[in-house]
Amino acid sequence: MRRKRNRFTYEPEIPCSDLEAKEAIKTAKEFLEIVEKNLG
């Protein structure tokens, strides 16, 4: 994900697919759930 974010930041003319975006959001939500569980 870091590479894709970096590419998007410096080469925004290269879009990501809908599937990639949805998977990134899903992964972020899962990560936040784990963080919240460990903090609470």
PDB file of N, CA and C in Angstrom:
ATOM      1  N   MET A   1       0.814  -1.194   0.000  1.00  0.00           N
ATOM      2  CA  MET A   1       0.000   0.000   0.000  1.00  0.00           C
ATOM      3  C   MET A   1       0.860   1.261   0.000  1.00  0.00           C
ATOM      4  N   ARG A   2       1.968   1.207   0.712  1.00  0.00           N
ATOM      5  CA  ARG A   2       2.831   2.394   0.770  1.00  0.00           C
ATOM      6  C   ARG A   2       3.314   2.772  -0.630  1.00  0.00           C
ATOM      7  N   ARG A   3       3.683   1.784  -1.418  1.00  0.00           N
ATOM      8  CA  ARG A   3       4.151   2.081  -2.781  1.00  0.00           C
ATOM      9  C   ARG A   3       3.043   2.686  -3.631  1.00  0.00           C
ATOM     10  N   LYS A   4       1.839   2.138  -3.487  1.00  0.00           N
ATOM     11  CA  LYS A   4       0.718   2.660  -4.266  1.00  0.00           C
ATOM     12  C   LYS A   4       0.383   4.086  -3.851  1.00  0.00           C
ATOM     13  N   ARG A   5       0.402   4.352  -2.538  1.00  0.00           N
ATOM     14  CA  ARG A   5       0.130   5.716  -2.059  1.00  0.00           C
ATOM     15  C   ARG A   5       1.191   6.670  -2.577  1.00  0.00           C
ATOM     16  N   ASN A   6       2.434   6.237  -2.533  1.00  0.00           N
ATOM     17  CA  ASN A   6       3.524   7.078  -3.007  1.00  0.00           C
ATOM     18  C   ASN A   6       3.368   7.357  -4.502  1.00  0.00           C
ATOM     19  N   ARG A   7       3.034   6.329  -5.269  1.00  0.00           N
ATOM     20  CA  ARG A   7       2.840   6.514  -6.711  1.00  0.00           C
ATOM     21  C   ARG A   7       1.689   7.480  -6.969  1.00  0.00           C
ATOM     22  N   PHE A   8       0.594   7.323  -6.208  1.00  0.00           N
ATOM     23  CA  PHE A   8      -0.546   8.206  -6.385  1.00  0.00           C
ATOM     24  C   PHE A   8      -0.186   9.658  -6.036  1.00  0.00           C
ATOM     25  N   THR A   9       0.629   9.841  -5.008  1.00  0.00           N
ATOM     26  CA  THR A   9       1.023  11.187  -4.590  1.00  0.00           C
ATOM     27  C   THR A   9       1.855  11.878  -5.659  1.00  0.00           C
ATOM     28  N   TYR A  10       2.802  11.131  -6.247  1.00  0.00           N
ATOM     29  CA  TYR A  10       3.736  11.750  -7.187  1.00  0.00           C
ATOM     30  C   TYR A  10       3.370  11.541  -8.650  1.00  0.00           C
ATOM     31  N   GLU A  11       2.455  10.617  -8.924  1.00  0.00           N
ATOM     32  CA  GLU A  11       2.005  10.373 -10.291  1.00  0.00           C
ATOM     33  C   GLU A  11       0.482  10.211 -10.296  1.00  0.00           C
ATOM     34  N   PRO A  12      -0.250  11.265  -9.976  1.00  0.00           N
ATOM     35  CA  PRO A  12      -1.705  11.136  -9.830  1.00  0.00           C
ATOM     36  C   PRO A  12      -2.431  10.783 -11.128  1.00  0.00           C
ATOM     37  N   GLU A  13      -1.764  10.902 -12.251  1.00  0.00           N
ATOM     38  CA  GLU A  13      -2.415  10.559 -13.514  1.00  0.00           C
ATOM     39  C   GLU A  13      -2.583   9.043 -13.688  1.00  0.00           C
ATOM     40  N   ILE A  14      -1.939   8.261 -12.801  1.00  0.00           N
ATOM     41  CA  ILE A  14      -2.078   6.804 -12.836  1.00  0.00           C
ATOM     42  C   ILE A  14      -3.091   6.429 -11.746  1.00  0.00           C
ATOM     43  N   PRO A  15      -4.341   6.185 -12.123  1.00  0.00           N
ATOM     44  CA  PRO A  15      -5.369   5.908 -11.114  1.00  0.00           C
ATOM     45  C   PRO A  15      -5.292   4.483 -10.570  1.00  0.00           C
ATOM     46  N   CYS A  16      -5.913   4.260  -9.441  1.00  0.00           N
ATOM     47  CA  CYS A  16      -6.062   2.904  -8.932  1.00  0.00           C
ATOM     48  C   CYS A  16      -7.461   2.422  -9.299  1.00  0.00           C
ATOM     49  N   SER A  17      -7.629   1.138  -9.337  1.00  0.00           N
ATOM     50  CA  SER A  17      -8.929   0.590  -9.716  1.00  0.00           C
ATOM     51  C   SER A  17      -9.914   0.690  -8.552  1.00  0.00           C
ATOM     52  N   ASP A  18     -11.184   0.527  -8.861  1.00  0.00           N
ATOM     53  CA  ASP A  18     -12.210   0.517  -7.820  1.00  0.00           C
ATOM     54  C   ASP A  18     -11.947  -0.611  -6.831  1.00  0.00           C
ATOM     55  N   LEU A  19     -11.544  -1.753  -7.349  1.00  0.00           N
ATOM     56  CA  LEU A  19     -11.274  -2.899  -6.491  1.00  0.00           C
ATOM     57  C   LEU A  19     -10.127  -2.605  -5.526  1.00  0.00           C
ATOM     58  N   GLU A  20      -9.048  -1.992  -6.037  1.00  0.00           N
ATOM     59  CA  GLU A  20      -7.925  -1.635  -5.165  1.00  0.00           C
ATOM     60  C   GLU A  20      -8.362  -0.664  -4.072  1.00  0.00           C
ATOM     61  N   ALA A  21      -9.169   0.305  -4.439  1.00  0.00           N
ATOM     62  CA  ALA A  21      -9.638   1.295  -3.465  1.00  0.00           C
ATOM     63  C   ALA A  21     -10.515   0.626  -2.405  1.00  0.00           C
ATOM     64  N   LYS A  22     -11.414  -0.242  -2.830  1.00  0.00           N
ATOM     65  CA  LYS A  22     -12.292  -0.923  -1.878  1.00  0.00           C
ATOM     66  C   LYS A  22     -11.494  -1.836  -0.946  1.00  0.00           C
ATOM     67  N   GLU A  23     -10.498  -2.526  -1.483  1.00  0.00           N
ATOM     68  CA  GLU A  23      -9.658  -3.393  -0.657  1.00  0.00           C
ATOM     69  C   GLU A  23      -8.848  -2.573   0.343  1.00  0.00           C
ATOM     70  N   ALA A  24      -8.364  -1.412  -0.084  1.00  0.00           N
ATOM     71  CA  ALA A  24      -7.601  -0.546   0.814  1.00  0.00           C
ATOM     72  C   ALA A  24      -8.478  -0.054   1.963  1.00  0.00           C
ATOM     73  N   ILE A  25      -9.704   0.313   1.656  1.00  0.00           N
ATOM     74  CA  ILE A  25     -10.631   0.767   2.700  1.00  0.00           C
ATOM     75  C   ILE A  25     -10.941  -0.372   3.656  1.00  0.00           C
ATOM     76  N   LYS A  26     -11.168  -1.556   3.123  1.00  0.00           N
ATOM     77  CA  LYS A  26     -11.449  -2.727   3.957  1.00  0.00           C
ATOM     78  C   LYS A  26     -10.270  -3.012   4.895  1.00  0.00           C
ATOM     79  N   THR A  27      -9.062  -2.972   4.361  1.00  0.00           N
ATOM     80  CA  THR A  27      -7.869  -3.226   5.166  1.00  0.00           C
ATOM     81  C   THR A  27      -7.715  -2.160   6.247  1.00  0.00           C
ATOM     82  N   ALA A  28      -7.975  -0.908   5.899  1.00  0.00           N
ATOM     83  CA  ALA A  28      -7.866   0.178   6.875  1.00  0.00           C
ATOM     84  C   ALA A  28      -8.871  -0.003   8.005  1.00  0.00           C
ATOM     85  N   LYS A  29     -10.099  -0.398   7.663  1.00  0.00           N
ATOM     86  CA  LYS A  29     -11.120  -0.620   8.695  1.00  0.00           C
ATOM     87  C   LYS A  29     -10.715  -1.764   9.629  1.00  0.00           C
ATOM     88  N   GLU A  30     -10.192  -2.842   9.046  1.00  0.00           N
ATOM     89  CA  GLU A  30      -9.745  -3.969   9.866  1.00  0.00           C
ATOM     90  C   GLU A  30      -8.613  -3.545  10.798  1.00  0.00           C
ATOM     91  N   PHE A  31      -7.695  -2.744  10.288  1.00  0.00           N
ATOM     92  CA  PHE A  31      -6.576  -2.254  11.090  1.00  0.00           C
ATOM     93  C   PHE A  31      -7.091  -1.403  12.252  1.00  0.00           C
ATOM     94  N   LEU A  32      -8.040  -0.502  11.953  1.00  0.00           N
ATOM     95  CA  LEU A  32      -8.579   0.355  13.003  1.00  0.00           C
ATOM     96  C   LEU A  32      -9.312  -0.451  14.075  1.00  0.00           C
ATOM     97  N   GLU A  33     -10.011  -1.501  13.678  1.00  0.00           N
ATOM     98  CA  GLU A  33     -10.677  -2.350  14.651  1.00  0.00           C
ATOM     99  C   GLU A  33      -9.666  -3.005  15.595  1.00  0.00           C
ATOM    100  N   ILE A  34      -8.557  -3.463  15.046  1.00  0.00           N
ATOM    101  CA  ILE A  34      -7.516  -4.083  15.868  1.00  0.00           C
ATOM    102  C   ILE A  34      -6.913  -3.061  16.823  1.00  0.00           C
ATOM    103  N   VAL A  35      -6.638  -1.862  16.334  1.00  0.00           N
ATOM    104  CA  VAL A  35      -6.065  -0.801  17.173  1.00  0.00           C
ATOM    105  C   VAL A  35      -7.035  -0.445  18.297  1.00  0.00           C
ATOM    106  N   GLU A  36      -8.314  -0.248  17.944  1.00  0.00           N
ATOM    107  CA  GLU A  36      -9.301   0.113  18.963  1.00  0.00           C
ATOM    108  C   GLU A  36      -9.444  -0.983  20.009  1.00  0.00           C
ATOM    109  N   LYS A  37      -9.398  -2.233  19.581  1.00  0.00           N
ATOM    110  CA  LYS A  37      -9.512  -3.342  20.519  1.00  0.00           C
ATOM    111  C   LYS A  37      -8.328  -3.349  21.495  1.00  0.00           C
ATOM    112  N   ASN A  38      -7.147  -3.051  20.986  1.00  0.00           N
ATOM    113  CA  ASN A  38      -5.946  -3.071  21.838  1.00  0.00           C
ATOM    114  C   ASN A  38      -5.823  -1.832  22.721  1.00  0.00           C
ATOM    115  N   LEU A  39      -6.447  -0.738  22.326  1.00  0.00           N
ATOM    116  CA  LEU A  39      -6.395   0.470  23.145  1.00  0.00           C
ATOM    117  C   LEU A  39      -7.477   0.464  24.230  1.00  0.00           C
ATOM    118  N   GLY A  40      -8.563  -0.199  23.956  1.00  0.00           N
ATOM    119  CA  GLY A  40      -9.702  -0.151  24.867  1.00  0.00           C
ATOM    120  C   GLY A  40      -9.707  -1.275  25.787  1.00  0.00           C
TER     121      GLY A  40
END
